[in-house]
Amino acid sequence: MAATQDAGVIHSAHSTTAGSAAFSNLRIVTSPFKAYGSIPAAVGQSQGVTSLTNAGIDTWATSALHDDDYSAAYQSGATGTSSTVTVHVDSQDNTNAWGKAGLMLRNDITGTGSSTGYLVLAATPSKGVTMSWDSNSDGCLDSGTTKTGTGTVAPVWLRLVRNGDSVTGSYSANGTTWTTVGTATLTGANSTEDAGVFFSAHAGAPGTAKFSQFSVS
C-alpha cells in the first residue's frame, strides 16, 4: 500500500443494460481536519489542496431570510483568544457575483443556524473581499463590510487575526503586504473556536472553490 492513495466513489451496473448511481456528501480529509456540509456537498483534500463543492444559497441573514448554507474543512477548537488564521484561495468558480470562498470562525462549525461566535472572511467572483459576522448572537451572519478593487478575487490570500473577541480581516496578493477589510466583535464566542475554510456557491447550480496553505498560529 502506498503512503497516499486515490479515493472516490464507483458504480458498476453488472449488466448489459446501462445504469446510473447518484452520490452526495463525499468527504475525504486528513487529520486534524474534519469535513462538514450543511447541504449536499463534496469535501476533499489532495496534495495540500482542499476542495469544496456545493450549491449553497448563501451565508447571510435578513429580517425575512436566514441562510446558512456552506461546506467546510476545519479544525476543532483551533483558535484561542490570540490567534492568526491564514489561507490561500487558489481558485473559485464564478457561480454568482456573491459566491463566497474563505475563512470561517465559529464556536461549532457544524452548528448551522445556531452556533455563535460566528465570522467569515471571503473572496467573491466580482464583489470584492467581504467580512461578515453575527452581531447579535443569534447564530446568523447579519453585519458586514467589503473591500473592492485590484487583488480581491482568487487567487488571493486571506487572514483573520483574533485578539480576545475582536477579529481583524485582511487580504493580500502575495501573502506579505496586507490590506485590512475590517474589524468586528465576536458575540457569544468561546475562548477557543473552530477554524477552517468554507464555500457557498450562492447559486442553484454547484460550484467549487480550492484552497491551500491553511495555517493557525
Protein backbone atom coordinates (compact mmCIF):
# COMPACT_ATOMS: atom_id res chain seq x y z
CA MET A 1 0.00 0.00 0.00
CA ALA A 2 1.36 3.41 -0.99
CA ALA A 3 1.66 6.22 1.54
CA THR A 4 -1.04 8.06 -0.40
CA GLN A 5 -3.87 6.51 -2.39
CA ASP A 6 -6.71 7.62 -4.64
CA ALA A 7 -10.17 7.62 -3.05
CA GLY A 8 -13.62 8.16 -4.51
CA VAL A 9 -16.97 6.61 -5.39
CA ILE A 10 -17.65 3.93 -8.02
CA HIS A 11 -20.55 2.39 -9.92
CA SER A 12 -20.70 -0.83 -11.90
CA ALA A 13 -24.02 -1.80 -13.49
CA HIS A 14 -23.13 -5.53 -13.56
CA SER A 15 -25.43 -5.80 -16.58
CA THR A 16 -25.54 -5.36 -20.33
CA THR A 17 -28.10 -2.63 -19.64
CA ALA A 18 -26.71 0.79 -18.76
CA GLY A 19 -27.45 2.10 -15.28
CA SER A 20 -26.51 5.01 -13.08
CA ALA A 21 -25.88 5.89 -9.45
CA ALA A 22 -26.08 9.25 -7.68
CA PHE A 23 -23.86 10.26 -4.77
CA SER A 24 -23.55 13.22 -2.43
CA ASN A 25 -21.64 14.29 0.68
CA LEU A 26 -18.32 12.73 -0.31
CA ARG A 27 -15.84 13.69 2.42
CA ILE A 28 -12.13 12.91 2.27
CA VAL A 29 -9.98 14.85 4.74
CA THR A 30 -6.93 14.08 6.81
CA SER A 31 -6.31 14.71 10.50
CA PRO A 32 -6.57 17.23 12.14
CA PHE A 33 -9.18 18.39 9.63
CA LYS A 34 -12.86 17.48 9.76
CA ALA A 35 -15.41 17.85 6.98
CA TYR A 36 -18.90 19.34 7.17
CA GLY A 37 -21.70 20.28 4.82
CA SER A 38 -24.95 21.91 5.91
CA ILE A 39 -26.19 20.96 2.42
CA PRO A 40 -25.23 18.19 -0.03
CA ALA A 41 -21.55 18.78 -0.73
CA ALA A 42 -18.19 17.25 -1.54
CA VAL A 43 -15.17 17.98 0.64
CA GLY A 44 -11.76 16.63 -0.31
CA GLN A 45 -8.05 17.09 0.26
CA SER A 46 -5.27 16.03 -2.10
CA GLN A 47 -1.61 17.03 -2.29
CA GLY A 48 -2.09 20.01 0.02
CA VAL A 49 -5.19 21.37 -1.73
CA THR A 50 -8.63 21.43 -0.10
CA SER A 51 -11.59 21.34 -2.49
CA LEU A 52 -15.16 22.31 -1.52
CA THR A 53 -18.15 21.80 -3.83
CA ASN A 54 -21.80 22.71 -3.20
CA ALA A 55 -24.79 24.67 -4.49
CA GLY A 56 -25.42 26.60 -1.27
CA ILE A 57 -27.79 29.57 -1.29
CA ASP A 58 -25.77 31.93 0.92
CA THR A 59 -24.44 32.67 4.40
CA TRP A 60 -26.42 35.79 5.29
CA ALA A 61 -29.48 36.81 7.32
CA THR A 62 -32.14 39.43 6.69
CA SER A 63 -35.40 40.13 8.50
CA ALA A 64 -37.13 37.66 6.18
CA LEU A 65 -34.43 35.08 5.38
CA HIS A 66 -31.77 33.30 7.44
CA ASP A 67 -29.46 31.46 5.04
CA ASP A 68 -26.56 29.40 6.37
CA ASP A 69 -25.60 27.06 3.52
CA TYR A 70 -21.97 26.01 3.20
CA SER A 71 -19.44 23.19 3.16
CA ALA A 72 -16.26 23.37 5.19
CA ALA A 73 -12.98 21.70 6.06
CA TYR A 74 -11.99 22.74 9.55
CA GLN A 75 -10.04 22.12 12.75
CA SER A 76 -11.96 21.86 16.03
CA GLY A 77 -11.04 24.35 18.74
CA ALA A 78 -8.06 25.56 16.75
CA THR A 79 -8.19 29.27 17.62
CA GLY A 80 -7.74 30.81 21.03
CA THR A 81 -8.15 34.45 22.06
CA SER A 82 -4.80 35.32 20.42
CA SER A 83 -4.68 33.57 17.04
CA THR A 84 -3.93 34.20 13.38
CA VAL A 85 -5.65 32.13 10.69
CA THR A 86 -4.36 32.30 7.10
CA VAL A 87 -5.23 30.61 3.81
CA HIS A 88 -4.61 30.98 0.08
CA VAL A 89 -7.77 30.82 -2.05
CA ASP A 90 -6.36 29.12 -5.12
CA SER A 91 -9.47 29.30 -7.29
CA GLN A 92 -13.22 29.91 -7.14
CA ASP A 93 -15.89 29.09 -9.72
CA ASN A 94 -17.93 32.09 -10.83
CA THR A 95 -21.25 30.65 -9.66
CA ASN A 96 -22.60 34.05 -8.62
CA ALA A 97 -21.21 37.53 -8.03
CA TRP A 98 -21.73 36.90 -4.29
CA GLY A 99 -20.39 33.34 -4.15
CA LYS A 100 -18.15 33.11 -1.05
CA ALA A 101 -14.88 31.22 -0.52
CA GLY A 102 -12.74 31.87 2.52
CA LEU A 103 -12.13 31.55 6.23
CA MET A 104 -14.64 30.80 8.99
CA LEU A 105 -14.50 31.16 12.77
CA ARG A 106 -17.31 29.71 14.87
CA ASN A 107 -17.81 28.04 18.23
CA ASP A 108 -19.04 24.99 16.30
CA ILE A 109 -18.79 24.96 12.51
CA THR A 110 -21.33 22.12 12.43
CA GLY A 111 -23.85 24.30 14.32
CA THR A 112 -25.56 25.73 11.26
CA GLY A 113 -28.04 28.49 12.04
CA SER A 114 -27.39 28.39 15.78
CA SER A 115 -23.73 28.38 16.81
CA THR A 116 -22.44 31.78 17.93
CA GLY A 117 -19.01 33.44 17.80
CA TYR A 118 -19.59 33.40 14.04
CA LEU A 119 -17.48 35.33 11.49
CA VAL A 120 -16.28 34.77 7.93
CA LEU A 121 -13.83 36.44 5.55
CA ALA A 122 -14.39 35.53 1.91
CA ALA A 123 -13.36 36.24 -1.64
CA THR A 124 -16.14 36.62 -4.20
CA PRO A 125 -16.05 36.43 -8.02
CA SER A 126 -16.90 40.12 -8.55
CA LYS A 127 -17.97 41.81 -5.27
CA GLY A 128 -14.56 42.02 -3.62
CA VAL A 129 -13.37 40.54 -0.33
CA THR A 130 -16.14 40.58 2.24
CA MET A 131 -16.16 40.10 6.01
CA SER A 132 -19.42 39.14 7.71
CA TRP A 133 -20.26 38.47 11.35
CA ASP A 134 -23.07 37.69 13.78
CA SER A 135 -23.70 40.93 15.66
CA ASN A 136 -26.49 39.76 17.97
CA SER A 137 -25.63 36.17 18.93
CA ASP A 138 -28.48 34.56 17.02
CA GLY A 139 -26.17 32.24 15.07
CA CYS A 140 -26.55 34.01 11.69
CA LEU A 141 -24.38 36.49 9.81
CA ASP A 142 -26.08 39.88 9.72
CA SER A 143 -23.36 42.55 9.56
CA GLY A 144 -20.55 43.08 7.10
CA THR A 145 -18.01 45.19 5.29
CA THR A 146 -16.41 44.76 1.86
CA LYS A 147 -13.27 45.88 0.04
CA THR A 148 -13.29 46.00 -3.77
CA GLY A 149 -10.59 46.64 -6.33
CA THR A 150 -7.41 45.05 -7.63
CA GLY A 151 -6.36 41.81 -5.98
CA THR A 152 -9.70 40.98 -4.35
CA VAL A 153 -10.51 37.89 -6.43
CA ALA A 154 -8.95 34.43 -6.36
CA PRO A 155 -6.10 33.67 -6.31
CA VAL A 156 -5.82 35.69 -3.10
CA TRP A 157 -4.54 35.32 0.46
CA LEU A 158 -6.95 35.81 3.38
CA ARG A 159 -6.10 36.34 7.04
CA LEU A 160 -8.05 36.65 10.30
CA VAL A 161 -6.36 37.91 13.46
CA ARG A 162 -8.23 37.32 16.72
CA ASN A 163 -7.43 39.36 19.82
CA GLY A 164 -9.92 38.48 22.55
CA ASP A 165 -13.34 38.99 20.99
CA SER A 166 -12.00 41.39 18.35
CA VAL A 167 -11.18 39.99 14.88
CA THR A 168 -9.49 41.84 12.01
CA GLY A 169 -9.77 40.53 8.45
CA SER A 170 -7.25 41.27 5.69
CA TYR A 171 -6.35 40.14 2.18
CA SER A 172 -3.12 40.04 0.18
CA ALA A 173 -1.96 39.36 -3.35
CA ASN A 174 1.39 37.95 -2.23
CA GLY A 175 0.99 36.88 1.42
CA THR A 176 3.30 39.68 2.54
CA THR A 177 1.57 43.03 2.02
CA TRP A 178 -1.89 43.05 3.62
CA THR A 179 -4.94 45.28 3.16
CA THR A 180 -7.43 45.48 6.04
CA VAL A 181 -11.06 44.71 5.20
CA GLY A 182 -12.42 45.49 8.65
CA THR A 183 -12.53 44.70 12.35
CA ALA A 184 -15.51 43.14 14.12
CA THR A 185 -16.51 41.99 17.59
CA LEU A 186 -17.38 38.33 18.07
CA THR A 187 -20.60 37.84 20.02
CA GLY A 188 -21.09 34.74 22.13
CA ALA A 189 -17.59 33.47 21.31
CA ASN A 190 -15.90 30.72 23.30
CA SER A 191 -12.29 31.13 24.39
CA THR A 192 -11.46 28.54 21.71
CA GLU A 193 -13.29 28.30 18.40
CA ASP A 194 -13.36 26.08 15.33
CA ALA A 195 -11.45 27.48 12.34
CA GLY A 196 -11.47 26.40 8.72
CA VAL A 197 -12.19 27.12 5.09
CA PHE A 198 -15.72 27.32 3.69
CA PHE A 199 -17.55 27.78 0.40
CA SER A 200 -21.10 28.76 -0.52
CA ALA A 201 -21.91 28.87 -4.25
CA HIS A 202 -24.80 31.33 -3.83
CA ALA A 203 -26.45 29.65 -6.81
CA GLY A 204 -28.85 26.92 -7.83
CA ALA A 205 -26.03 25.02 -9.54
CA PRO A 206 -22.95 23.63 -7.79
CA GLY A 207 -19.53 25.19 -7.94
CA THR A 208 -16.10 24.53 -6.46
CA ALA A 209 -13.50 26.51 -4.53
CA LYS A 210 -9.95 25.33 -3.85
CA PHE A 211 -7.64 26.34 -1.00
CA SER A 212 -4.07 25.73 0.10
CA GLN A 213 -1.58 26.71 2.83
CA PHE A 214 -4.14 26.90 5.63
CA SER A 215 -2.49 27.68 8.96
CA VAL A 216 -3.36 28.68 12.52
CA SER A 217 -0.76 30.31 14.73
